């Protein structure tokens, strides 16, 4: 059950972190870059607003 619910969230992350790439070399700076890109991506479920816009009520 948990896997099914998390797949829509992990799928976009896989664009930046493929399964074949280890996480040992992943830095906090790179994590922040990925988070910024994902939070600025429009989502259909939010009427094509970004999560950032939804959070700040823009």
Protein backbone atom coordinates (compact mmCIF):
# COMPACT_ATOMS: atom_id res chain seq x y z
CA UNK A 1 0.00 0.00 0.00
CA UNK A 2 2.75 2.47 0.89
CA UNK A 3 4.63 1.82 -2.36
CA UNK A 4 1.61 2.66 -4.50
CA UNK A 5 1.05 5.94 -2.67
CA UNK A 6 4.69 7.01 -2.87
CA UNK A 7 5.33 6.23 -6.55
CA UNK A 8 3.92 9.51 -7.93
CA UNK A 9 6.30 11.29 -5.56
CA UNK A 10 9.41 9.26 -6.32
CA UNK A 11 8.97 9.18 -10.07
CA UNK A 12 10.00 12.84 -10.63
CA UNK A 13 12.94 12.40 -8.26
CA UNK A 14 14.24 9.56 -10.46
CA UNK A 15 14.86 12.14 -13.23
CA UNK A 16 17.57 13.61 -11.03
CA UNK A 17 18.61 10.51 -9.07
CA UNK A 18 18.51 7.32 -11.15
CA UNK A 19 18.32 4.03 -9.24
CA UNK A 20 21.75 3.09 -10.60
CA UNK A 21 23.35 6.15 -9.00
CA UNK A 22 24.37 5.71 -5.39
CA UNK A 23 23.38 8.23 -2.77
CA UNK A 24 26.75 8.20 -1.02
CA UNK A 25 27.98 11.12 -3.14
CA UNK A 26 24.77 13.12 -2.85
CA UNK A 27 25.35 16.45 -1.11
CA UNK A 28 22.91 18.65 0.78
CA UNK A 29 23.39 21.32 -1.88
CA UNK A 30 22.32 18.87 -4.61
CA UNK A 31 19.30 17.79 -2.53
CA UNK A 32 18.29 21.44 -2.20
CA UNK A 33 18.63 21.98 -5.96
CA UNK A 34 16.42 18.98 -6.70
CA UNK A 35 13.83 20.09 -4.13
CA UNK A 36 13.73 23.59 -5.64
CA UNK A 37 13.18 22.20 -9.14
CA UNK A 38 10.41 19.85 -7.97
CA UNK A 39 8.66 22.52 -5.91
CA UNK A 40 8.59 24.85 -8.89
CA UNK A 41 7.08 22.25 -11.23
CA UNK A 42 3.37 22.83 -11.99
CA UNK A 43 1.04 19.99 -10.97
CA UNK A 44 -2.21 19.00 -12.61
CA UNK A 45 -3.75 18.22 -9.20
CA UNK A 46 -3.20 21.88 -8.17
CA UNK A 47 -4.80 23.30 -11.34
CA UNK A 48 -1.31 23.67 -12.83
CA UNK A 49 0.00 25.72 -9.95
CA UNK A 50 3.26 24.78 -8.31
CA UNK A 51 3.48 23.33 -4.80
CA UNK A 52 5.33 26.53 -3.88
CA UNK A 53 2.37 28.65 -5.10
CA UNK A 54 -0.07 26.47 -3.21
CA UNK A 55 1.97 26.71 -0.01
CA UNK A 56 2.25 30.49 -0.15
CA UNK A 57 -1.30 30.98 -1.45
CA UNK A 58 -0.20 32.76 -4.63
